[in-house]
Amino acid sequence: MGETMLAARIETAPEKTRWTLSRRAVLITALAVGVIAVVIAGWQIAAWTAVGSVRIVYDARPIVCEGAEVTLDPSGESDWFGAGDVRWDETFYAPVVGVEAGMTCGLRFFVVNDGWANVDAVRVELPGMQEEFVSLVRPTMVNPNGQTRLVDAEDGAVFAIEGMPVPAAGQQSFTVVLEANPEDADGYEACSGFIPRAPRVTVSALGVERTVASPEDAAIGYYSGARAGCD
């Protein structure tokens, strides 16, 4: 009897050892997966926090031109009512370019990084200035460095930005060079024009990209001919 029990113990011991090792392997794998998940989640949170801290701003003269005049035209009275239902009768003004043949303009804006990490500017998009859209102006390049133009997006001209980081708590200026577009000039009567949406910029950090839109009130109008004779 004693010899039989000893033999049974010898036979079952390896199975118990394998079972114990298997449990340990499962536990170690589960812990590793958990650590990886936490790291990935932390990475994603850090990345989205970094790109989410970027905004676009303009200064007092966002566009200057040679060969054309830039004026300020009212965009309409405010319909907002303040405390006590008192209407604010302020008039808000927006820059307007009187597009002339042969002119060149520079549209400048600033990409501001309020975050903790450096981000890279990846693309500048100019809505309403793609080739298939009938436009009074066309973008020719984006400075600094004369960035490369890509294939147009569905609703905008696109320029690739290479080697242009925006440092943490810093900013980077960009200037879009615009020229009059004689091919489409006949499509606009005198004093008529269009107001495209302001530029947007795609930024990247830690493998995550985000497209940042300009403020809604940053639009600039482009009208056919000098504005002096327009009502």
C-alpha atoms as a PDB file:
ATOM      1  CA  MET A   1       0.000   0.000   0.000  1.00  0.00           C
ATOM      2  CA  GLY A   2       2.767   2.444   0.920  1.00  0.00           C
ATOM      3  CA  GLU A   3       4.589   1.838  -2.355  1.00  0.00           C
ATOM      4  CA  THR A   4       1.379   2.489  -4.335  1.00  0.00           C
ATOM      5  CA  MET A   5       0.715   5.849  -2.592  1.00  0.00           C
ATOM      6  CA  LEU A   6       4.323   6.921  -3.143  1.00  0.00           C
ATOM      7  CA  ALA A   7       4.077   6.116  -6.827  1.00  0.00           C
ATOM      8  CA  ALA A   8       0.830   8.103  -7.095  1.00  0.00           C
ATOM      9  CA  ARG A   9       2.455  11.120  -5.469  1.00  0.00           C
ATOM     10  CA  ILE A  10       5.370  10.932  -7.864  1.00  0.00           C
ATOM     11  CA  GLU A  11       3.031  10.746 -10.864  1.00  0.00           C
ATOM     12  CA  THR A  12       0.753  13.644  -9.799  1.00  0.00           C
ATOM     13  CA  ALA A  13       3.506  16.016  -8.675  1.00  0.00           C
ATOM     14  CA  PRO A  14       4.471  17.161 -12.213  1.00  0.00           C
ATOM     15  CA  GLU A  15       0.823  17.849 -13.045  1.00  0.00           C
ATOM     16  CA  LYS A  16       0.431  20.091  -9.978  1.00  0.00           C
ATOM     17  CA  THR A  17       3.652  21.871 -10.879  1.00  0.00           C
ATOM     18  CA  ARG A  18       2.461  22.459 -14.430  1.00  0.00           C
ATOM     19  CA  TRP A  19      -0.870  23.762 -13.151  1.00  0.00           C
ATOM     20  CA  THR A  20       0.839  26.185 -10.773  1.00  0.00           C
ATOM     21  CA  LEU A  21       3.156  27.433 -13.492  1.00  0.00           C
ATOM     22  CA  SER A  22       0.199  27.861 -15.832  1.00  0.00           C
ATOM     23  CA  ARG A  23      -1.612  30.040 -13.285  1.00  0.00           C
ATOM     24  CA  ARG A  24       1.480  32.140 -12.816  1.00  0.00           C
ATOM     25  CA  ALA A  25       1.869  32.560 -16.570  1.00  0.00           C
ATOM     26  CA  VAL A  26      -1.767  33.684 -16.895  1.00  0.00           C
ATOM     27  CA  LEU A  27      -1.340  36.120 -14.002  1.00  0.00           C
ATOM     28  CA  ILE A  28       1.876  37.562 -15.446  1.00  0.00           C
ATOM     29  CA  THR A  29       0.270  37.915 -18.878  1.00  0.00           C
ATOM     30  CA  ALA A  30      -2.774  39.631 -17.401  1.00  0.00           C
ATOM     31  CA  LEU A  31      -0.576  42.036 -15.465  1.00  0.00           C
ATOM     32  CA  ALA A  32       1.480  42.784 -18.574  1.00  0.00           C
ATOM     33  CA  VAL A  33      -1.651  43.434 -20.631  1.00  0.00           C
ATOM     34  CA  GLY A  34      -2.946  45.711 -17.898  1.00  0.00           C
ATOM     35  CA  VAL A  35       0.290  47.687 -17.761  1.00  0.00           C
ATOM     36  CA  ILE A  36       0.331  48.043 -21.558  1.00  0.00           C
ATOM     37  CA  ALA A  37      -3.287  49.239 -21.526  1.00  0.00           C
ATOM     38  CA  VAL A  38      -2.494  51.829 -18.861  1.00  0.00           C
ATOM     39  CA  VAL A  39       0.554  53.010 -20.791  1.00  0.00           C
ATOM     40  CA  ILE A  40      -1.433  53.303 -24.045  1.00  0.00           C
ATOM     41  CA  ALA A  41      -4.258  55.137 -22.294  1.00  0.00           C
ATOM     42  CA  GLY A  42      -1.787  57.511 -20.668  1.00  0.00           C
ATOM     43  CA  TRP A  43      -0.067  58.048 -24.010  1.00  0.00           C
ATOM     44  CA  GLN A  44      -3.360  58.863 -25.707  1.00  0.00           C
ATOM     45  CA  ILE A  45      -4.418  61.233 -22.938  1.00  0.00           C
ATOM     46  CA  ALA A  46      -1.057  63.000 -23.081  1.00  0.00           C
ATOM     47  CA  ALA A  47      -1.195  63.256 -26.875  1.00  0.00           C
ATOM     48  CA  TRP A  48      -4.742  64.618 -27.012  1.00  0.00           C
ATOM     49  CA  THR A  49      -3.965  67.043 -24.197  1.00  0.00           C
ATOM     50  CA  ALA A  50      -0.966  68.310 -26.170  1.00  0.00           C
ATOM     51  CA  VAL A  51      -2.794  68.866 -29.479  1.00  0.00           C
ATOM     52  CA  GLY A  52      -5.902  70.085 -27.676  1.00  0.00           C
ATOM     53  CA  SER A  53      -3.983  73.052 -26.276  1.00  0.00           C
ATOM     54  CA  VAL A  54      -3.365  74.648 -29.685  1.00  0.00           C
ATOM     55  CA  ARG A  55      -5.309  77.608 -31.080  1.00  0.00           C
ATOM     56  CA  ILE A  56      -5.100  80.098 -33.948  1.00  0.00           C
ATOM     57  CA  VAL A  57      -5.039  83.837 -33.362  1.00  0.00           C
ATOM     58  CA  TYR A  58      -4.691  86.988 -35.513  1.00  0.00           C
ATOM     59  CA  ASP A  59      -3.213  90.386 -34.831  1.00  0.00           C
ATOM     60  CA  ALA A  60      -4.677  93.803 -35.672  1.00  0.00           C
ATOM     61  CA  ARG A  61      -3.563  93.611 -39.340  1.00  0.00           C
ATOM     62  CA  PRO A  62      -4.048  90.041 -40.470  1.00  0.00           C
ATOM     63  CA  ILE A  63      -3.677  90.850 -44.161  1.00  0.00           C
ATOM     64  CA  VAL A  64      -1.549  93.398 -46.045  1.00  0.00           C
ATOM     65  CA  CYS A  65      -1.401  93.845 -49.808  1.00  0.00           C
ATOM     66  CA  GLU A  66       0.739  95.395 -52.494  1.00  0.00           C
ATOM     67  CA  GLY A  67      -1.257  96.672 -55.459  1.00  0.00           C
ATOM     68  CA  ALA A  68      -4.606  96.530 -53.655  1.00  0.00           C
ATOM     69  CA  GLU A  69      -6.314  98.328 -50.809  1.00  0.00           C
ATOM     70  CA  VAL A  70      -7.434  96.668 -47.592  1.00  0.00           C
ATOM     71  CA  THR A  71     -10.386  98.345 -45.904  1.00  0.00           C
ATOM     72  CA  LEU A  72     -12.633  97.600 -42.947  1.00  0.00           C
ATOM     73  CA  ASP A  73     -16.244  96.967 -43.787  1.00  0.00           C
ATOM     74  CA  PRO A  74     -19.064  96.445 -41.315  1.00  0.00           C
ATOM     75  CA  SER A  75     -20.312  92.897 -41.109  1.00  0.00           C
ATOM     76  CA  GLY A  76     -23.643  93.899 -39.563  1.00  0.00           C
ATOM     77  CA  GLU A  77     -25.024  95.140 -36.278  1.00  0.00           C
ATOM     78  CA  SER A  78     -25.113  92.970 -33.223  1.00  0.00           C
ATOM     79  CA  ASP A  79     -28.435  91.344 -32.374  1.00  0.00           C
ATOM     80  CA  TRP A  80     -27.245  90.380 -28.922  1.00  0.00           C
ATOM     81  CA  PHE A  81     -29.191  91.680 -25.941  1.00  0.00           C
ATOM     82  CA  GLY A  82     -27.386  92.328 -22.689  1.00  0.00           C
ATOM     83  CA  ALA A  83     -28.560  92.672 -19.104  1.00  0.00           C
ATOM     84  CA  GLY A  84     -31.989  94.263 -18.820  1.00  0.00           C
ATOM     85  CA  ASP A  85     -32.707  93.520 -22.501  1.00  0.00           C
ATOM     86  CA  VAL A  86     -30.585  96.492 -23.547  1.00  0.00           C
ATOM     87  CA  ARG A  87     -29.427  96.038 -27.126  1.00  0.00           C
ATOM     88  CA  TRP A  88     -25.796  96.651 -27.915  1.00  0.00           C
ATOM     89  CA  ASP A  89     -25.710  98.752 -31.079  1.00  0.00           C
ATOM     90  CA  GLU A  90     -22.027  98.216 -31.817  1.00  0.00           C
ATOM     91  CA  THR A  91     -20.948  97.603 -35.387  1.00  0.00           C
ATOM     92  CA  PHE A  92     -18.267  95.011 -35.943  1.00  0.00           C
ATOM     93  CA  TYR A  93     -15.744  95.399 -38.741  1.00  0.00           C
ATOM     94  CA  ALA A  94     -13.890  92.864 -40.841  1.00  0.00           C
ATOM     95  CA  PRO A  95     -10.968  93.300 -43.285  1.00  0.00           C
ATOM     96  CA  VAL A  96     -11.896  93.414 -46.963  1.00  0.00           C
ATOM     97  CA  VAL A  97      -9.485  93.238 -49.901  1.00  0.00           C
ATOM     98  CA  GLY A  98     -10.385  95.086 -53.084  1.00  0.00           C
ATOM     99  CA  VAL A  99      -8.799  92.586 -55.463  1.00  0.00           C
ATOM    100  CA  GLU A 100      -6.853  94.161 -58.323  1.00  0.00           C
ATOM    101  CA  ALA A 101      -4.976  92.493 -61.184  1.00  0.00           C
ATOM    102  CA  GLY A 102      -1.317  91.915 -60.349  1.00  0.00           C
ATOM    103  CA  MET A 103      -1.714  92.372 -56.603  1.00  0.00           C
ATOM    104  CA  THR A 104       0.017  90.253 -53.954  1.00  0.00           C
ATOM    105  CA  CYS A 105      -1.222  89.869 -50.381  1.00  0.00           C
ATOM    106  CA  GLY A 106       0.098  88.269 -47.230  1.00  0.00           C
ATOM    107  CA  LEU A 107      -2.406  86.707 -44.830  1.00  0.00           C
ATOM    108  CA  ARG A 108      -0.736  86.153 -41.473  1.00  0.00           C
ATOM    109  CA  PHE A 109      -1.906  84.145 -38.494  1.00  0.00           C
ATOM    110  CA  PHE A 110      -0.325  82.635 -35.401  1.00  0.00           C
ATOM    111  CA  VAL A 111      -0.479  79.060 -34.151  1.00  0.00           C
ATOM    112  CA  VAL A 112      -0.320  79.318 -30.363  1.00  0.00           C
ATOM    113  CA  ASN A 113       0.590  76.329 -28.200  1.00  0.00           C
ATOM    114  CA  ASP A 114      -0.725  76.750 -24.651  1.00  0.00           C
ATOM    115  CA  GLY A 115       0.179  73.182 -23.733  1.00  0.00           C
ATOM    116  CA  TRP A 116       2.999  71.413 -21.901  1.00  0.00           C
ATOM    117  CA  ALA A 117       4.586  69.674 -24.909  1.00  0.00           C
ATOM    118  CA  ASN A 118       5.943  70.666 -28.298  1.00  0.00           C
ATOM    119  CA  VAL A 119       3.680  69.975 -31.270  1.00  0.00           C
ATOM    120  CA  ASP A 120       4.430  69.847 -34.985  1.00  0.00           C
ATOM    121  CA  ALA A 121       2.481  71.825 -37.561  1.00  0.00           C
ATOM    122  CA  VAL A 122       1.625  69.327 -40.306  1.00  0.00           C
ATOM    123  CA  ARG A 123      -0.702  71.060 -42.787  1.00  0.00           C
ATOM    124  CA  VAL A 124      -2.286  74.418 -43.541  1.00  0.00           C
ATOM    125  CA  GLU A 125      -5.660  74.316 -45.282  1.00  0.00           C
ATOM    126  CA  LEU A 126      -7.328  77.278 -46.963  1.00  0.00           C
ATOM    127  CA  PRO A 127     -11.066  76.682 -47.366  1.00  0.00           C
ATOM    128  CA  GLY A 128     -12.659  78.104 -50.501  1.00  0.00           C
ATOM    129  CA  MET A 129      -9.348  78.535 -52.316  1.00  0.00           C
ATOM    130  CA  GLN A 130      -9.088  75.146 -53.996  1.00  0.00           C
ATOM    131  CA  GLU A 131      -8.559  75.109 -57.770  1.00  0.00           C
ATOM    132  CA  GLU A 132     -12.061  73.898 -58.604  1.00  0.00           C
ATOM    133  CA  PHE A 133     -13.664  76.809 -56.743  1.00  0.00           C
ATOM    134  CA  VAL A 134     -14.248  80.071 -58.651  1.00  0.00           C
ATOM    135  CA  SER A 135     -12.133  82.439 -56.582  1.00  0.00           C
ATOM    136  CA  LEU A 136     -10.755  85.945 -56.948  1.00  0.00           C
ATOM    137  CA  VAL A 137      -7.501  84.938 -55.246  1.00  0.00           C
ATOM    138  CA  ARG A 138      -5.233  81.920 -55.214  1.00  0.00           C
ATOM    139  CA  PRO A 139      -2.666  80.903 -52.573  1.00  0.00           C
ATOM    140  CA  THR A 140       0.807  80.429 -54.034  1.00  0.00           C
ATOM    141  CA  MET A 141       2.800  79.453 -50.946  1.00  0.00           C
ATOM    142  CA  VAL A 142       2.853  79.411 -47.176  1.00  0.00           C
ATOM    143  CA  ASN A 143       5.829  80.953 -45.380  1.00  0.00           C
ATOM    144  CA  PRO A 144       8.156  80.449 -43.621  1.00  0.00           C
ATOM    145  CA  ASN A 145      10.109  78.184 -45.925  1.00  0.00           C
ATOM    146  CA  GLY A 146       7.709  78.265 -48.880  1.00  0.00           C
ATOM    147  CA  GLN A 147       5.831  75.148 -47.853  1.00  0.00           C
ATOM    148  CA  THR A 148       4.887  72.568 -50.491  1.00  0.00           C
ATOM    149  CA  ARG A 149       1.379  72.576 -51.940  1.00  0.00           C
ATOM    150  CA  LEU A 150      -0.410  69.235 -51.796  1.00  0.00           C
ATOM    151  CA  VAL A 151      -3.397  67.957 -53.753  1.00  0.00           C
ATOM    152  CA  ASP A 152      -6.442  70.046 -52.879  1.00  0.00           C
ATOM    153  CA  ALA A 153      -8.866  68.746 -50.309  1.00  0.00           C
ATOM    154  CA  GLU A 154     -12.577  68.671 -51.092  1.00  0.00           C
ATOM    155  CA  ASP A 155     -13.100  72.190 -49.758  1.00  0.00           C
ATOM    156  CA  GLY A 156      -9.666  73.769 -49.414  1.00  0.00           C
ATOM    157  CA  ALA A 157      -6.179  74.291 -50.813  1.00  0.00           C
ATOM    158  CA  VAL A 158      -3.648  72.307 -48.771  1.00  0.00           C
ATOM    159  CA  PHE A 159       0.006  72.987 -47.987  1.00  0.00           C
ATOM    160  CA  ALA A 160       2.356  70.548 -46.258  1.00  0.00           C
ATOM    161  CA  ILE A 161       4.370  71.928 -43.354  1.00  0.00           C
ATOM    162  CA  GLU A 162       7.763  70.312 -42.849  1.00  0.00           C
ATOM    163  CA  GLY A 163      10.088  70.746 -39.893  1.00  0.00           C
ATOM    164  CA  MET A 164       8.012  73.442 -38.195  1.00  0.00           C
ATOM    165  CA  PRO A 165       7.534  72.688 -34.474  1.00  0.00           C
ATOM    166  CA  VAL A 166       5.432  74.902 -32.242  1.00  0.00           C
ATOM    167  CA  PRO A 167       7.121  74.897 -28.828  1.00  0.00           C
ATOM    168  CA  ALA A 168       5.273  74.452 -25.567  1.00  0.00           C
ATOM    169  CA  ALA A 169       4.009  77.802 -24.270  1.00  0.00           C
ATOM    170  CA  GLY A 170       5.143  79.322 -27.578  1.00  0.00           C
ATOM    171  CA  GLN A 171       3.855  80.242 -31.005  1.00  0.00           C
ATOM    172  CA  GLN A 172       4.692  80.100 -34.706  1.00  0.00           C
ATOM    173  CA  SER A 173       3.543  82.573 -37.342  1.00  0.00           C
ATOM    174  CA  PHE A 174       2.512  81.589 -40.855  1.00  0.00           C
ATOM    175  CA  THR A 175       1.923  83.847 -43.836  1.00  0.00           C
ATOM    176  CA  VAL A 176      -0.165  82.741 -46.795  1.00  0.00           C
ATOM    177  CA  VAL A 177       0.916  84.482 -50.001  1.00  0.00           C
ATOM    178  CA  LEU A 178      -2.127  85.290 -52.153  1.00  0.00           C
ATOM    179  CA  GLU A 179      -2.261  86.552 -55.708  1.00  0.00           C
ATOM    180  CA  ALA A 180      -5.107  87.812 -57.867  1.00  0.00           C
ATOM    181  CA  ASN A 181      -6.636  85.069 -59.984  1.00  0.00           C
ATOM    182  CA  PRO A 182      -7.258  86.466 -63.498  1.00  0.00           C
ATOM    183  CA  GLU A 183      -8.787  83.196 -64.719  1.00  0.00           C
ATOM    184  CA  ASP A 184     -11.851  83.587 -62.506  1.00  0.00           C
ATOM    185  CA  ALA A 185     -12.041  87.395 -62.367  1.00  0.00           C
ATOM    186  CA  ASP A 186     -14.808  87.497 -64.973  1.00  0.00           C
ATOM    187  CA  GLY A 187     -16.973  85.391 -62.702  1.00  0.00           C
ATOM    188  CA  TYR A 188     -17.430  88.329 -60.336  1.00  0.00           C
ATOM    189  CA  GLU A 189     -19.094  91.644 -61.089  1.00  0.00           C
ATOM    190  CA  ALA A 190     -17.615  94.852 -59.689  1.00  0.00           C
ATOM    191  CA  CYS A 191     -18.093  95.092 -55.918  1.00  0.00           C
ATOM    192  CA  SER A 192     -19.126  91.447 -55.671  1.00  0.00           C
ATOM    193  CA  GLY A 193     -16.986  88.867 -53.967  1.00  0.00           C
ATOM    194  CA  PHE A 194     -16.809  86.155 -51.354  1.00  0.00           C
ATOM    195  CA  ILE A 195     -15.751  85.571 -47.756  1.00  0.00           C
ATOM    196  CA  PRO A 196     -14.064  82.174 -47.364  1.00  0.00           C
ATOM    197  CA  ARG A 197     -13.616  80.504 -44.030  1.00  0.00           C
ATOM    198  CA  ALA A 198     -10.339  81.361 -42.330  1.00  0.00           C
ATOM    199  CA  PRO A 199      -7.335  78.977 -42.490  1.00  0.00           C
ATOM    200  CA  ARG A 200      -7.134  75.832 -40.407  1.00  0.00           C
ATOM    201  CA  VAL A 201      -3.987  74.045 -39.270  1.00  0.00           C
ATOM    202  CA  THR A 202      -3.367  70.374 -38.517  1.00  0.00           C
ATOM    203  CA  VAL A 203      -0.970  69.736 -35.645  1.00  0.00           C
ATOM    204  CA  SER A 204       0.590  66.501 -34.424  1.00  0.00           C
ATOM    205  CA  ALA A 205       2.003  65.224 -31.131  1.00  0.00           C
ATOM    206  CA  LEU A 206       2.915  61.707 -29.987  1.00  0.00           C
ATOM    207  CA  GLY A 207       1.318  60.181 -33.085  1.00  0.00           C
ATOM    208  CA  VAL A 208      -2.029  61.998 -32.737  1.00  0.00           C
ATOM    209  CA  GLU A 209      -3.252  64.658 -35.192  1.00  0.00           C
ATOM    210  CA  ARG A 210      -5.850  67.384 -34.708  1.00  0.00           C
ATOM    211  CA  THR A 211      -7.136  70.031 -37.118  1.00  0.00           C
ATOM    212  CA  VAL A 212      -7.465  73.438 -35.461  1.00  0.00           C
ATOM    213  CA  ALA A 213      -9.983  75.877 -36.924  1.00  0.00           C
ATOM    214  CA  SER A 214      -9.576  79.631 -36.898  1.00  0.00           C
ATOM    215  CA  PRO A 215     -12.009  81.742 -34.870  1.00  0.00           C
ATOM    216  CA  GLU A 216     -15.312  82.185 -36.688  1.00  0.00           C
ATOM    217  CA  ASP A 217     -14.970  85.969 -36.653  1.00  0.00           C
ATOM    218  CA  ALA A 218     -11.551  85.862 -38.367  1.00  0.00           C
ATOM    219  CA  ALA A 219     -12.925  85.737 -41.918  1.00  0.00           C
ATOM    220  CA  ILE A 220     -11.602  88.158 -44.560  1.00  0.00           C
ATOM    221  CA  GLY A 221     -13.587  89.312 -47.591  1.00  0.00           C
ATOM    222  CA  TYR A 222     -12.280  89.461 -51.164  1.00  0.00           C
ATOM    223  CA  TYR A 223     -14.192  91.703 -53.565  1.00  0.00           C
ATOM    224  CA  SER A 224     -13.713  92.553 -57.207  1.00  0.00           C
ATOM    225  CA  GLY A 225     -12.076  95.971 -57.591  1.00  0.00           C
ATOM    226  CA  ALA A 226     -11.546  98.877 -55.225  1.00  0.00           C
ATOM    227  CA  ARG A 227     -14.185  99.318 -52.539  1.00  0.00           C
ATOM    228  CA  ALA A 228     -14.216 103.120 -52.739  1.00  0.00           C
ATOM    229  CA  GLY A 229     -17.018 103.181 -55.302  1.00  0.00           C
ATOM    230  CA  CYS A 230     -19.134 100.473 -53.653  1.00  0.00           C
ATOM    231  CA  ASP A 231     -22.131 101.176 -51.446  1.00  0.00           C
END
